[in-house]
PDBML (XML) file of the C-alpha atoms, coordinates in Angstrom:
<?xml version="1.0" encoding="UTF-8" ?>
<PDBx:datablock datablockName="MODEL"
   xmlns:PDBx="http://pdbml.pdb.org/schema/pdbx-v50.xsd"
   xmlns:xsi="http://www.w3.org/2001/XMLSchema-instance"
   xsi:schemaLocation="http://pdbml.pdb.org/schema/pdbx-v50.xsd pdbx-v50.xsd">
   <PDBx:atom_siteCategory>
      <PDBx:atom_site id="1">
         <PDBx:B_iso_or_equiv>0.00</PDBx:B_iso_or_equiv>
         <PDBx:Cartn_x>-12.227</PDBx:Cartn_x>
         <PDBx:Cartn_y>-6.178</PDBx:Cartn_y>
         <PDBx:Cartn_z>2.321</PDBx:Cartn_z>
         <PDBx:auth_asym_id>A</PDBx:auth_asym_id>
         <PDBx:auth_atom_id>CA</PDBx:auth_atom_id>
         <PDBx:auth_comp_id>ASP</PDBx:auth_comp_id>
         <PDBx:auth_seq_id>1</PDBx:auth_seq_id>
         <PDBx:group_PDB>ATOM</PDBx:group_PDB>
         <PDBx:label_alt_id xsi:nil="true" />
         <PDBx:label_asym_id>A</PDBx:label_asym_id>
         <PDBx:label_atom_id>CA</PDBx:label_atom_id>
         <PDBx:label_comp_id>ASP</PDBx:label_comp_id>
         <PDBx:label_entity_id>1</PDBx:label_entity_id>
         <PDBx:label_seq_id>1</PDBx:label_seq_id>
         <PDBx:occupancy>1.00</PDBx:occupancy>
         <PDBx:pdbx_PDB_model_num>1</PDBx:pdbx_PDB_model_num>
         <PDBx:type_symbol>C</PDBx:type_symbol>
      </PDBx:atom_site>
      <PDBx:atom_site id="2">
         <PDBx:B_iso_or_equiv>0.00</PDBx:B_iso_or_equiv>
         <PDBx:Cartn_x>-9.552</PDBx:Cartn_x>
         <PDBx:Cartn_y>-6.031</PDBx:Cartn_y>
         <PDBx:Cartn_z>4.766</PDBx:Cartn_z>
         <PDBx:auth_asym_id>A</PDBx:auth_asym_id>
         <PDBx:auth_atom_id>CA</PDBx:auth_atom_id>
         <PDBx:auth_comp_id>ASP</PDBx:auth_comp_id>
         <PDBx:auth_seq_id>2</PDBx:auth_seq_id>
         <PDBx:group_PDB>ATOM</PDBx:group_PDB>
         <PDBx:label_alt_id xsi:nil="true" />
         <PDBx:label_asym_id>A</PDBx:label_asym_id>
         <PDBx:label_atom_id>CA</PDBx:label_atom_id>
         <PDBx:label_comp_id>ASP</PDBx:label_comp_id>
         <PDBx:label_entity_id>1</PDBx:label_entity_id>
         <PDBx:label_seq_id>2</PDBx:label_seq_id>
         <PDBx:occupancy>1.00</PDBx:occupancy>
         <PDBx:pdbx_PDB_model_num>1</PDBx:pdbx_PDB_model_num>
         <PDBx:type_symbol>C</PDBx:type_symbol>
      </PDBx:atom_site>
      <PDBx:atom_site id="3">
         <PDBx:B_iso_or_equiv>0.00</PDBx:B_iso_or_equiv>
         <PDBx:Cartn_x>-7.618</PDBx:Cartn_x>
         <PDBx:Cartn_y>-8.747</PDBx:Cartn_y>
         <PDBx:Cartn_z>2.952</PDBx:Cartn_z>
         <PDBx:auth_asym_id>A</PDBx:auth_asym_id>
         <PDBx:auth_atom_id>CA</PDBx:auth_atom_id>
         <PDBx:auth_comp_id>THR</PDBx:auth_comp_id>
         <PDBx:auth_seq_id>3</PDBx:auth_seq_id>
         <PDBx:group_PDB>ATOM</PDBx:group_PDB>
         <PDBx:label_alt_id xsi:nil="true" />
         <PDBx:label_asym_id>A</PDBx:label_asym_id>
         <PDBx:label_atom_id>CA</PDBx:label_atom_id>
         <PDBx:label_comp_id>THR</PDBx:label_comp_id>
         <PDBx:label_entity_id>1</PDBx:label_entity_id>
         <PDBx:label_seq_id>3</PDBx:label_seq_id>
         <PDBx:occupancy>1.00</PDBx:occupancy>
         <PDBx:pdbx_PDB_model_num>1</PDBx:pdbx_PDB_model_num>
         <PDBx:type_symbol>C</PDBx:type_symbol>
      </PDBx:atom_site>
      <PDBx:atom_site id="4">
         <PDBx:B_iso_or_equiv>0.00</PDBx:B_iso_or_equiv>
         <PDBx:Cartn_x>-7.330</PDBx:Cartn_x>
         <PDBx:Cartn_y>-6.377</PDBx:Cartn_y>
         <PDBx:Cartn_z>-0.063</PDBx:Cartn_z>
         <PDBx:auth_asym_id>A</PDBx:auth_asym_id>
         <PDBx:auth_atom_id>CA</PDBx:auth_atom_id>
         <PDBx:auth_comp_id>ASP</PDBx:auth_comp_id>
         <PDBx:auth_seq_id>4</PDBx:auth_seq_id>
         <PDBx:group_PDB>ATOM</PDBx:group_PDB>
         <PDBx:label_alt_id xsi:nil="true" />
         <PDBx:label_asym_id>A</PDBx:label_asym_id>
         <PDBx:label_atom_id>CA</PDBx:label_atom_id>
         <PDBx:label_comp_id>ASP</PDBx:label_comp_id>
         <PDBx:label_entity_id>1</PDBx:label_entity_id>
         <PDBx:label_seq_id>4</PDBx:label_seq_id>
         <PDBx:occupancy>1.00</PDBx:occupancy>
         <PDBx:pdbx_PDB_model_num>1</PDBx:pdbx_PDB_model_num>
         <PDBx:type_symbol>C</PDBx:type_symbol>
      </PDBx:atom_site>
      <PDBx:atom_site id="5">
         <PDBx:B_iso_or_equiv>0.00</PDBx:B_iso_or_equiv>
         <PDBx:Cartn_x>-6.381</PDBx:Cartn_x>
         <PDBx:Cartn_y>-3.815</PDBx:Cartn_y>
         <PDBx:Cartn_z>2.255</PDBx:Cartn_z>
         <PDBx:auth_asym_id>A</PDBx:auth_asym_id>
         <PDBx:auth_atom_id>CA</PDBx:auth_atom_id>
         <PDBx:auth_comp_id>ARG</PDBx:auth_comp_id>
         <PDBx:auth_seq_id>5</PDBx:auth_seq_id>
         <PDBx:group_PDB>ATOM</PDBx:group_PDB>
         <PDBx:label_alt_id xsi:nil="true" />
         <PDBx:label_asym_id>A</PDBx:label_asym_id>
         <PDBx:label_atom_id>CA</PDBx:label_atom_id>
         <PDBx:label_comp_id>ARG</PDBx:label_comp_id>
         <PDBx:label_entity_id>1</PDBx:label_entity_id>
         <PDBx:label_seq_id>5</PDBx:label_seq_id>
         <PDBx:occupancy>1.00</PDBx:occupancy>
         <PDBx:pdbx_PDB_model_num>1</PDBx:pdbx_PDB_model_num>
         <PDBx:type_symbol>C</PDBx:type_symbol>
      </PDBx:atom_site>
      <PDBx:atom_site id="6">
         <PDBx:B_iso_or_equiv>0.00</PDBx:B_iso_or_equiv>
         <PDBx:Cartn_x>-3.598</PDBx:Cartn_x>
         <PDBx:Cartn_y>-5.771</PDBx:Cartn_y>
         <PDBx:Cartn_z>3.786</PDBx:Cartn_z>
         <PDBx:auth_asym_id>A</PDBx:auth_asym_id>
         <PDBx:auth_atom_id>CA</PDBx:auth_atom_id>
         <PDBx:auth_comp_id>GLU</PDBx:auth_comp_id>
         <PDBx:auth_seq_id>6</PDBx:auth_seq_id>
         <PDBx:group_PDB>ATOM</PDBx:group_PDB>
         <PDBx:label_alt_id xsi:nil="true" />
         <PDBx:label_asym_id>A</PDBx:label_asym_id>
         <PDBx:label_atom_id>CA</PDBx:label_atom_id>
         <PDBx:label_comp_id>GLU</PDBx:label_comp_id>
         <PDBx:label_entity_id>1</PDBx:label_entity_id>
         <PDBx:label_seq_id>6</PDBx:label_seq_id>
         <PDBx:occupancy>1.00</PDBx:occupancy>
         <PDBx:pdbx_PDB_model_num>1</PDBx:pdbx_PDB_model_num>
         <PDBx:type_symbol>C</PDBx:type_symbol>
      </PDBx:atom_site>
      <PDBx:atom_site id="7">
         <PDBx:B_iso_or_equiv>0.00</PDBx:B_iso_or_equiv>
         <PDBx:Cartn_x>-2.239</PDBx:Cartn_x>
         <PDBx:Cartn_y>-6.798</PDBx:Cartn_y>
         <PDBx:Cartn_z>0.482</PDBx:Cartn_z>
         <PDBx:auth_asym_id>A</PDBx:auth_asym_id>
         <PDBx:auth_atom_id>CA</PDBx:auth_atom_id>
         <PDBx:auth_comp_id>GLU</PDBx:auth_comp_id>
         <PDBx:auth_seq_id>7</PDBx:auth_seq_id>
         <PDBx:group_PDB>ATOM</PDBx:group_PDB>
         <PDBx:label_alt_id xsi:nil="true" />
         <PDBx:label_asym_id>A</PDBx:label_asym_id>
         <PDBx:label_atom_id>CA</PDBx:label_atom_id>
         <PDBx:label_comp_id>GLU</PDBx:label_comp_id>
         <PDBx:label_entity_id>1</PDBx:label_entity_id>
         <PDBx:label_seq_id>7</PDBx:label_seq_id>
         <PDBx:occupancy>1.00</PDBx:occupancy>
         <PDBx:pdbx_PDB_model_num>1</PDBx:pdbx_PDB_model_num>
         <PDBx:type_symbol>C</PDBx:type_symbol>
      </PDBx:atom_site>
      <PDBx:atom_site id="8">
         <PDBx:B_iso_or_equiv>0.00</PDBx:B_iso_or_equiv>
         <PDBx:Cartn_x>-2.313</PDBx:Cartn_x>
         <PDBx:Cartn_y>-2.978</PDBx:Cartn_y>
         <PDBx:Cartn_z>-0.598</PDBx:Cartn_z>
         <PDBx:auth_asym_id>A</PDBx:auth_asym_id>
         <PDBx:auth_atom_id>CA</PDBx:auth_atom_id>
         <PDBx:auth_comp_id>LEU</PDBx:auth_comp_id>
         <PDBx:auth_seq_id>8</PDBx:auth_seq_id>
         <PDBx:group_PDB>ATOM</PDBx:group_PDB>
         <PDBx:label_alt_id xsi:nil="true" />
         <PDBx:label_asym_id>A</PDBx:label_asym_id>
         <PDBx:label_atom_id>CA</PDBx:label_atom_id>
         <PDBx:label_comp_id>LEU</PDBx:label_comp_id>
         <PDBx:label_entity_id>1</PDBx:label_entity_id>
         <PDBx:label_seq_id>8</PDBx:label_seq_id>
         <PDBx:occupancy>1.00</PDBx:occupancy>
         <PDBx:pdbx_PDB_model_num>1</PDBx:pdbx_PDB_model_num>
         <PDBx:type_symbol>C</PDBx:type_symbol>
      </PDBx:atom_site>
      <PDBx:atom_site id="9">
         <PDBx:B_iso_or_equiv>0.00</PDBx:B_iso_or_equiv>
         <PDBx:Cartn_x>-0.511</PDBx:Cartn_x>
         <PDBx:Cartn_y>-2.052</PDBx:Cartn_y>
         <PDBx:Cartn_z>2.660</PDBx:Cartn_z>
         <PDBx:auth_asym_id>A</PDBx:auth_asym_id>
         <PDBx:auth_atom_id>CA</PDBx:auth_atom_id>
         <PDBx:auth_comp_id>SER</PDBx:auth_comp_id>
         <PDBx:auth_seq_id>9</PDBx:auth_seq_id>
         <PDBx:group_PDB>ATOM</PDBx:group_PDB>
         <PDBx:label_alt_id xsi:nil="true" />
         <PDBx:label_asym_id>A</PDBx:label_asym_id>
         <PDBx:label_atom_id>CA</PDBx:label_atom_id>
         <PDBx:label_comp_id>SER</PDBx:label_comp_id>
         <PDBx:label_entity_id>1</PDBx:label_entity_id>
         <PDBx:label_seq_id>9</PDBx:label_seq_id>
         <PDBx:occupancy>1.00</PDBx:occupancy>
         <PDBx:pdbx_PDB_model_num>1</PDBx:pdbx_PDB_model_num>
         <PDBx:type_symbol>C</PDBx:type_symbol>
      </PDBx:atom_site>
      <PDBx:atom_site id="10">
         <PDBx:B_iso_or_equiv>0.00</PDBx:B_iso_or_equiv>
         <PDBx:Cartn_x>2.201</PDBx:Cartn_x>
         <PDBx:Cartn_y>-4.859</PDBx:Cartn_y>
         <PDBx:Cartn_z>2.088</PDBx:Cartn_z>
         <PDBx:auth_asym_id>A</PDBx:auth_asym_id>
         <PDBx:auth_atom_id>CA</PDBx:auth_atom_id>
         <PDBx:auth_comp_id>ALA</PDBx:auth_comp_id>
         <PDBx:auth_seq_id>10</PDBx:auth_seq_id>
         <PDBx:group_PDB>ATOM</PDBx:group_PDB>
         <PDBx:label_alt_id xsi:nil="true" />
         <PDBx:label_asym_id>A</PDBx:label_asym_id>
         <PDBx:label_atom_id>CA</PDBx:label_atom_id>
         <PDBx:label_comp_id>ALA</PDBx:label_comp_id>
         <PDBx:label_entity_id>1</PDBx:label_entity_id>
         <PDBx:label_seq_id>10</PDBx:label_seq_id>
         <PDBx:occupancy>1.00</PDBx:occupancy>
         <PDBx:pdbx_PDB_model_num>1</PDBx:pdbx_PDB_model_num>
         <PDBx:type_symbol>C</PDBx:type_symbol>
      </PDBx:atom_site>
      <PDBx:atom_site id="11">
         <PDBx:B_iso_or_equiv>0.00</PDBx:B_iso_or_equiv>
         <PDBx:Cartn_x>3.160</PDBx:Cartn_x>
         <PDBx:Cartn_y>-2.895</PDBx:Cartn_y>
         <PDBx:Cartn_z>-1.289</PDBx:Cartn_z>
         <PDBx:auth_asym_id>A</PDBx:auth_asym_id>
         <PDBx:auth_atom_id>CA</PDBx:auth_atom_id>
         <PDBx:auth_comp_id>LEU</PDBx:auth_comp_id>
         <PDBx:auth_seq_id>11</PDBx:auth_seq_id>
         <PDBx:group_PDB>ATOM</PDBx:group_PDB>
         <PDBx:label_alt_id xsi:nil="true" />
         <PDBx:label_asym_id>A</PDBx:label_asym_id>
         <PDBx:label_atom_id>CA</PDBx:label_atom_id>
         <PDBx:label_comp_id>LEU</PDBx:label_comp_id>
         <PDBx:label_entity_id>1</PDBx:label_entity_id>
         <PDBx:label_seq_id>11</PDBx:label_seq_id>
         <PDBx:occupancy>1.00</PDBx:occupancy>
         <PDBx:pdbx_PDB_model_num>1</PDBx:pdbx_PDB_model_num>
         <PDBx:type_symbol>C</PDBx:type_symbol>
      </PDBx:atom_site>
      <PDBx:atom_site id="12">
         <PDBx:B_iso_or_equiv>0.00</PDBx:B_iso_or_equiv>
         <PDBx:Cartn_x>4.910</PDBx:Cartn_x>
         <PDBx:Cartn_y>-0.291</PDBx:Cartn_y>
         <PDBx:Cartn_z>1.208</PDBx:Cartn_z>
         <PDBx:auth_asym_id>A</PDBx:auth_asym_id>
         <PDBx:auth_atom_id>CA</PDBx:auth_atom_id>
         <PDBx:auth_comp_id>LEU</PDBx:auth_comp_id>
         <PDBx:auth_seq_id>12</PDBx:auth_seq_id>
         <PDBx:group_PDB>ATOM</PDBx:group_PDB>
         <PDBx:label_alt_id xsi:nil="true" />
         <PDBx:label_asym_id>A</PDBx:label_asym_id>
         <PDBx:label_atom_id>CA</PDBx:label_atom_id>
         <PDBx:label_comp_id>LEU</PDBx:label_comp_id>
         <PDBx:label_entity_id>1</PDBx:label_entity_id>
         <PDBx:label_seq_id>12</PDBx:label_seq_id>
         <PDBx:occupancy>1.00</PDBx:occupancy>
         <PDBx:pdbx_PDB_model_num>1</PDBx:pdbx_PDB_model_num>
         <PDBx:type_symbol>C</PDBx:type_symbol>
      </PDBx:atom_site>
      <PDBx:atom_site id="13">
         <PDBx:B_iso_or_equiv>0.00</PDBx:B_iso_or_equiv>
         <PDBx:Cartn_x>7.708</PDBx:Cartn_x>
         <PDBx:Cartn_y>-2.998</PDBx:Cartn_y>
         <PDBx:Cartn_z>1.902</PDBx:Cartn_z>
         <PDBx:auth_asym_id>A</PDBx:auth_asym_id>
         <PDBx:auth_atom_id>CA</PDBx:auth_atom_id>
         <PDBx:auth_comp_id>GLN</PDBx:auth_comp_id>
         <PDBx:auth_seq_id>13</PDBx:auth_seq_id>
         <PDBx:group_PDB>ATOM</PDBx:group_PDB>
         <PDBx:label_alt_id xsi:nil="true" />
         <PDBx:label_asym_id>A</PDBx:label_asym_id>
         <PDBx:label_atom_id>CA</PDBx:label_atom_id>
         <PDBx:label_comp_id>GLN</PDBx:label_comp_id>
         <PDBx:label_entity_id>1</PDBx:label_entity_id>
         <PDBx:label_seq_id>13</PDBx:label_seq_id>
         <PDBx:occupancy>1.00</PDBx:occupancy>
         <PDBx:pdbx_PDB_model_num>1</PDBx:pdbx_PDB_model_num>
         <PDBx:type_symbol>C</PDBx:type_symbol>
      </PDBx:atom_site>
      <PDBx:atom_site id="14">
         <PDBx:B_iso_or_equiv>0.00</PDBx:B_iso_or_equiv>
         <PDBx:Cartn_x>8.473</PDBx:Cartn_x>
         <PDBx:Cartn_y>-2.952</PDBx:Cartn_y>
         <PDBx:Cartn_z>-1.982</PDBx:Cartn_z>
         <PDBx:auth_asym_id>A</PDBx:auth_asym_id>
         <PDBx:auth_atom_id>CA</PDBx:auth_atom_id>
         <PDBx:auth_comp_id>GLU</PDBx:auth_comp_id>
         <PDBx:auth_seq_id>14</PDBx:auth_seq_id>
         <PDBx:group_PDB>ATOM</PDBx:group_PDB>
         <PDBx:label_alt_id xsi:nil="true" />
         <PDBx:label_asym_id>A</PDBx:label_asym_id>
         <PDBx:label_atom_id>CA</PDBx:label_atom_id>
         <PDBx:label_comp_id>GLU</PDBx:label_comp_id>
         <PDBx:label_entity_id>1</PDBx:label_entity_id>
         <PDBx:label_seq_id>14</PDBx:label_seq_id>
         <PDBx:occupancy>1.00</PDBx:occupancy>
         <PDBx:pdbx_PDB_model_num>1</PDBx:pdbx_PDB_model_num>
         <PDBx:type_symbol>C</PDBx:type_symbol>
      </PDBx:atom_site>
      <PDBx:atom_site id="15">
         <PDBx:B_iso_or_equiv>0.00</PDBx:B_iso_or_equiv>
         <PDBx:Cartn_x>11.571</PDBx:Cartn_x>
         <PDBx:Cartn_y>-1.043</PDBx:Cartn_y>
         <PDBx:Cartn_z>-3.241</PDBx:Cartn_z>
         <PDBx:auth_asym_id>A</PDBx:auth_asym_id>
         <PDBx:auth_atom_id>CA</PDBx:auth_atom_id>
         <PDBx:auth_comp_id>ASP</PDBx:auth_comp_id>
         <PDBx:auth_seq_id>15</PDBx:auth_seq_id>
         <PDBx:group_PDB>ATOM</PDBx:group_PDB>
         <PDBx:label_alt_id xsi:nil="true" />
         <PDBx:label_asym_id>A</PDBx:label_asym_id>
         <PDBx:label_atom_id>CA</PDBx:label_atom_id>
         <PDBx:label_comp_id>ASP</PDBx:label_comp_id>
         <PDBx:label_entity_id>1</PDBx:label_entity_id>
         <PDBx:label_seq_id>15</PDBx:label_seq_id>
         <PDBx:occupancy>1.00</PDBx:occupancy>
         <PDBx:pdbx_PDB_model_num>1</PDBx:pdbx_PDB_model_num>
         <PDBx:type_symbol>C</PDBx:type_symbol>
      </PDBx:atom_site>
      <PDBx:atom_site id="16">
         <PDBx:B_iso_or_equiv>0.00</PDBx:B_iso_or_equiv>
         <PDBx:Cartn_x>9.947</PDBx:Cartn_x>
         <PDBx:Cartn_y>0.811</PDBx:Cartn_y>
         <PDBx:Cartn_z>-6.193</PDBx:Cartn_z>
         <PDBx:auth_asym_id>A</PDBx:auth_asym_id>
         <PDBx:auth_atom_id>CA</PDBx:auth_atom_id>
         <PDBx:auth_comp_id>ARG</PDBx:auth_comp_id>
         <PDBx:auth_seq_id>16</PDBx:auth_seq_id>
         <PDBx:group_PDB>ATOM</PDBx:group_PDB>
         <PDBx:label_alt_id xsi:nil="true" />
         <PDBx:label_asym_id>A</PDBx:label_asym_id>
         <PDBx:label_atom_id>CA</PDBx:label_atom_id>
         <PDBx:label_comp_id>ARG</PDBx:label_comp_id>
         <PDBx:label_entity_id>1</PDBx:label_entity_id>
         <PDBx:label_seq_id>16</PDBx:label_seq_id>
         <PDBx:occupancy>1.00</PDBx:occupancy>
         <PDBx:pdbx_PDB_model_num>1</PDBx:pdbx_PDB_model_num>
         <PDBx:type_symbol>C</PDBx:type_symbol>
      </PDBx:atom_site>
      <PDBx:atom_site id="17">
         <PDBx:B_iso_or_equiv>0.00</PDBx:B_iso_or_equiv>
         <PDBx:Cartn_x>6.806</PDBx:Cartn_x>
         <PDBx:Cartn_y>1.924</PDBx:Cartn_y>
         <PDBx:Cartn_z>-3.809</PDBx:Cartn_z>
         <PDBx:auth_asym_id>A</PDBx:auth_asym_id>
         <PDBx:auth_atom_id>CA</PDBx:auth_atom_id>
         <PDBx:auth_comp_id>ILE</PDBx:auth_comp_id>
         <PDBx:auth_seq_id>17</PDBx:auth_seq_id>
         <PDBx:group_PDB>ATOM</PDBx:group_PDB>
         <PDBx:label_alt_id xsi:nil="true" />
         <PDBx:label_asym_id>A</PDBx:label_asym_id>
         <PDBx:label_atom_id>CA</PDBx:label_atom_id>
         <PDBx:label_comp_id>ILE</PDBx:label_comp_id>
         <PDBx:label_entity_id>1</PDBx:label_entity_id>
         <PDBx:label_seq_id>17</PDBx:label_seq_id>
         <PDBx:occupancy>1.00</PDBx:occupancy>
         <PDBx:pdbx_PDB_model_num>1</PDBx:pdbx_PDB_model_num>
         <PDBx:type_symbol>C</PDBx:type_symbol>
      </PDBx:atom_site>
      <PDBx:atom_site id="18">
         <PDBx:B_iso_or_equiv>0.00</PDBx:B_iso_or_equiv>
         <PDBx:Cartn_x>7.867</PDBx:Cartn_x>
         <PDBx:Cartn_y>5.151</PDBx:Cartn_y>
         <PDBx:Cartn_z>-2.057</PDBx:Cartn_z>
         <PDBx:auth_asym_id>A</PDBx:auth_asym_id>
         <PDBx:auth_atom_id>CA</PDBx:auth_atom_id>
         <PDBx:auth_comp_id>VAL</PDBx:auth_comp_id>
         <PDBx:auth_seq_id>18</PDBx:auth_seq_id>
         <PDBx:group_PDB>ATOM</PDBx:group_PDB>
         <PDBx:label_alt_id xsi:nil="true" />
         <PDBx:label_asym_id>A</PDBx:label_asym_id>
         <PDBx:label_atom_id>CA</PDBx:label_atom_id>
         <PDBx:label_comp_id>VAL</PDBx:label_comp_id>
         <PDBx:label_entity_id>1</PDBx:label_entity_id>
         <PDBx:label_seq_id>18</PDBx:label_seq_id>
         <PDBx:occupancy>1.00</PDBx:occupancy>
         <PDBx:pdbx_PDB_model_num>1</PDBx:pdbx_PDB_model_num>
         <PDBx:type_symbol>C</PDBx:type_symbol>
      </PDBx:atom_site>
      <PDBx:atom_site id="19">
         <PDBx:B_iso_or_equiv>0.00</PDBx:B_iso_or_equiv>
         <PDBx:Cartn_x>4.921</PDBx:Cartn_x>
         <PDBx:Cartn_y>5.898</PDBx:Cartn_y>
         <PDBx:Cartn_z>-0.008</PDBx:Cartn_z>
         <PDBx:auth_asym_id>A</PDBx:auth_asym_id>
         <PDBx:auth_atom_id>CA</PDBx:auth_atom_id>
         <PDBx:auth_comp_id>GLY</PDBx:auth_comp_id>
         <PDBx:auth_seq_id>19</PDBx:auth_seq_id>
         <PDBx:group_PDB>ATOM</PDBx:group_PDB>
         <PDBx:label_alt_id xsi:nil="true" />
         <PDBx:label_asym_id>A</PDBx:label_asym_id>
         <PDBx:label_atom_id>CA</PDBx:label_atom_id>
         <PDBx:label_comp_id>GLY</PDBx:label_comp_id>
         <PDBx:label_entity_id>1</PDBx:label_entity_id>
         <PDBx:label_seq_id>19</PDBx:label_seq_id>
         <PDBx:occupancy>1.00</PDBx:occupancy>
         <PDBx:pdbx_PDB_model_num>1</PDBx:pdbx_PDB_model_num>
         <PDBx:type_symbol>C</PDBx:type_symbol>
      </PDBx:atom_site>
      <PDBx:atom_site id="20">
         <PDBx:B_iso_or_equiv>0.00</PDBx:B_iso_or_equiv>
         <PDBx:Cartn_x>0.940</PDBx:Cartn_x>
         <PDBx:Cartn_y>6.176</PDBx:Cartn_y>
         <PDBx:Cartn_z>-0.189</PDBx:Cartn_z>
         <PDBx:auth_asym_id>A</PDBx:auth_asym_id>
         <PDBx:auth_atom_id>CA</PDBx:auth_atom_id>
         <PDBx:auth_comp_id>THR</PDBx:auth_comp_id>
         <PDBx:auth_seq_id>20</PDBx:auth_seq_id>
         <PDBx:group_PDB>ATOM</PDBx:group_PDB>
         <PDBx:label_alt_id xsi:nil="true" />
         <PDBx:label_asym_id>A</PDBx:label_asym_id>
         <PDBx:label_atom_id>CA</PDBx:label_atom_id>
         <PDBx:label_comp_id>THR</PDBx:label_comp_id>
         <PDBx:label_entity_id>1</PDBx:label_entity_id>
         <PDBx:label_seq_id>20</PDBx:label_seq_id>
         <PDBx:occupancy>1.00</PDBx:occupancy>
         <PDBx:pdbx_PDB_model_num>1</PDBx:pdbx_PDB_model_num>
         <PDBx:type_symbol>C</PDBx:type_symbol>
      </PDBx:atom_site>
      <PDBx:atom_site id="21">
         <PDBx:B_iso_or_equiv>0.00</PDBx:B_iso_or_equiv>
         <PDBx:Cartn_x>-0.700</PDBx:Cartn_x>
         <PDBx:Cartn_y>8.064</PDBx:Cartn_y>
         <PDBx:Cartn_z>-2.936</PDBx:Cartn_z>
         <PDBx:auth_asym_id>A</PDBx:auth_asym_id>
         <PDBx:auth_atom_id>CA</PDBx:auth_atom_id>
         <PDBx:auth_comp_id>GLY</PDBx:auth_comp_id>
         <PDBx:auth_seq_id>21</PDBx:auth_seq_id>
         <PDBx:group_PDB>ATOM</PDBx:group_PDB>
         <PDBx:label_alt_id xsi:nil="true" />
         <PDBx:label_asym_id>A</PDBx:label_asym_id>
         <PDBx:label_atom_id>CA</PDBx:label_atom_id>
         <PDBx:label_comp_id>GLY</PDBx:label_comp_id>
         <PDBx:label_entity_id>1</PDBx:label_entity_id>
         <PDBx:label_seq_id>21</PDBx:label_seq_id>
         <PDBx:occupancy>1.00</PDBx:occupancy>
         <PDBx:pdbx_PDB_model_num>1</PDBx:pdbx_PDB_model_num>
         <PDBx:type_symbol>C</PDBx:type_symbol>
      </PDBx:atom_site>
      <PDBx:atom_site id="22">
         <PDBx:B_iso_or_equiv>0.00</PDBx:B_iso_or_equiv>
         <PDBx:Cartn_x>-2.759</PDBx:Cartn_x>
         <PDBx:Cartn_y>10.988</PDBx:Cartn_y>
         <PDBx:Cartn_z>-2.517</PDBx:Cartn_z>
         <PDBx:auth_asym_id>A</PDBx:auth_asym_id>
         <PDBx:auth_atom_id>CA</PDBx:auth_atom_id>
         <PDBx:auth_comp_id>GLU</PDBx:auth_comp_id>
         <PDBx:auth_seq_id>22</PDBx:auth_seq_id>
         <PDBx:group_PDB>ATOM</PDBx:group_PDB>
         <PDBx:label_alt_id xsi:nil="true" />
         <PDBx:label_asym_id>A</PDBx:label_asym_id>
         <PDBx:label_atom_id>CA</PDBx:label_atom_id>
         <PDBx:label_comp_id>GLU</PDBx:label_comp_id>
         <PDBx:label_entity_id>1</PDBx:label_entity_id>
         <PDBx:label_seq_id>22</PDBx:label_seq_id>
         <PDBx:occupancy>1.00</PDBx:occupancy>
         <PDBx:pdbx_PDB_model_num>1</PDBx:pdbx_PDB_model_num>
         <PDBx:type_symbol>C</PDBx:type_symbol>
      </PDBx:atom_site>
      <PDBx:atom_site id="23">
         <PDBx:B_iso_or_equiv>0.00</PDBx:B_iso_or_equiv>
         <PDBx:Cartn_x>-5.326</PDBx:Cartn_x>
         <PDBx:Cartn_y>11.013</PDBx:Cartn_y>
         <PDBx:Cartn_z>0.378</PDBx:Cartn_z>
         <PDBx:auth_asym_id>A</PDBx:auth_asym_id>
         <PDBx:auth_atom_id>CA</PDBx:auth_atom_id>
         <PDBx:auth_comp_id>ILE</PDBx:auth_comp_id>
         <PDBx:auth_seq_id>23</PDBx:auth_seq_id>
         <PDBx:group_PDB>ATOM</PDBx:group_PDB>
         <PDBx:label_alt_id xsi:nil="true" />
         <PDBx:label_asym_id>A</PDBx:label_asym_id>
         <PDBx:label_atom_id>CA</PDBx:label_atom_id>
         <PDBx:label_comp_id>ILE</PDBx:label_comp_id>
         <PDBx:label_entity_id>1</PDBx:label_entity_id>
         <PDBx:label_seq_id>23</PDBx:label_seq_id>
         <PDBx:occupancy>1.00</PDBx:occupancy>
         <PDBx:pdbx_PDB_model_num>1</PDBx:pdbx_PDB_model_num>
         <PDBx:type_symbol>C</PDBx:type_symbol>
      </PDBx:atom_site>
      <PDBx:atom_site id="24">
         <PDBx:B_iso_or_equiv>0.00</PDBx:B_iso_or_equiv>
         <PDBx:Cartn_x>-7.949</PDBx:Cartn_x>
         <PDBx:Cartn_y>13.760</PDBx:Cartn_y>
         <PDBx:Cartn_z>0.085</PDBx:Cartn_z>
         <PDBx:auth_asym_id>A</PDBx:auth_asym_id>
         <PDBx:auth_atom_id>CA</PDBx:auth_atom_id>
         <PDBx:auth_comp_id>PRO</PDBx:auth_comp_id>
         <PDBx:auth_seq_id>24</PDBx:auth_seq_id>
         <PDBx:group_PDB>ATOM</PDBx:group_PDB>
         <PDBx:label_alt_id xsi:nil="true" />
         <PDBx:label_asym_id>A</PDBx:label_asym_id>
         <PDBx:label_atom_id>CA</PDBx:label_atom_id>
         <PDBx:label_comp_id>PRO</PDBx:label_comp_id>
         <PDBx:label_entity_id>1</PDBx:label_entity_id>
         <PDBx:label_seq_id>24</PDBx:label_seq_id>
         <PDBx:occupancy>1.00</PDBx:occupancy>
         <PDBx:pdbx_PDB_model_num>1</PDBx:pdbx_PDB_model_num>
         <PDBx:type_symbol>C</PDBx:type_symbol>
      </PDBx:atom_site>
   </PDBx:atom_siteCategory>
</PDBx:datablock>
């Protein structure tokens, strides 16, 4: 749901997260 998606998007703030994964 939208809450799940917001939690995933917020990971972009993490130092060890460099970007998004592969989008077909």
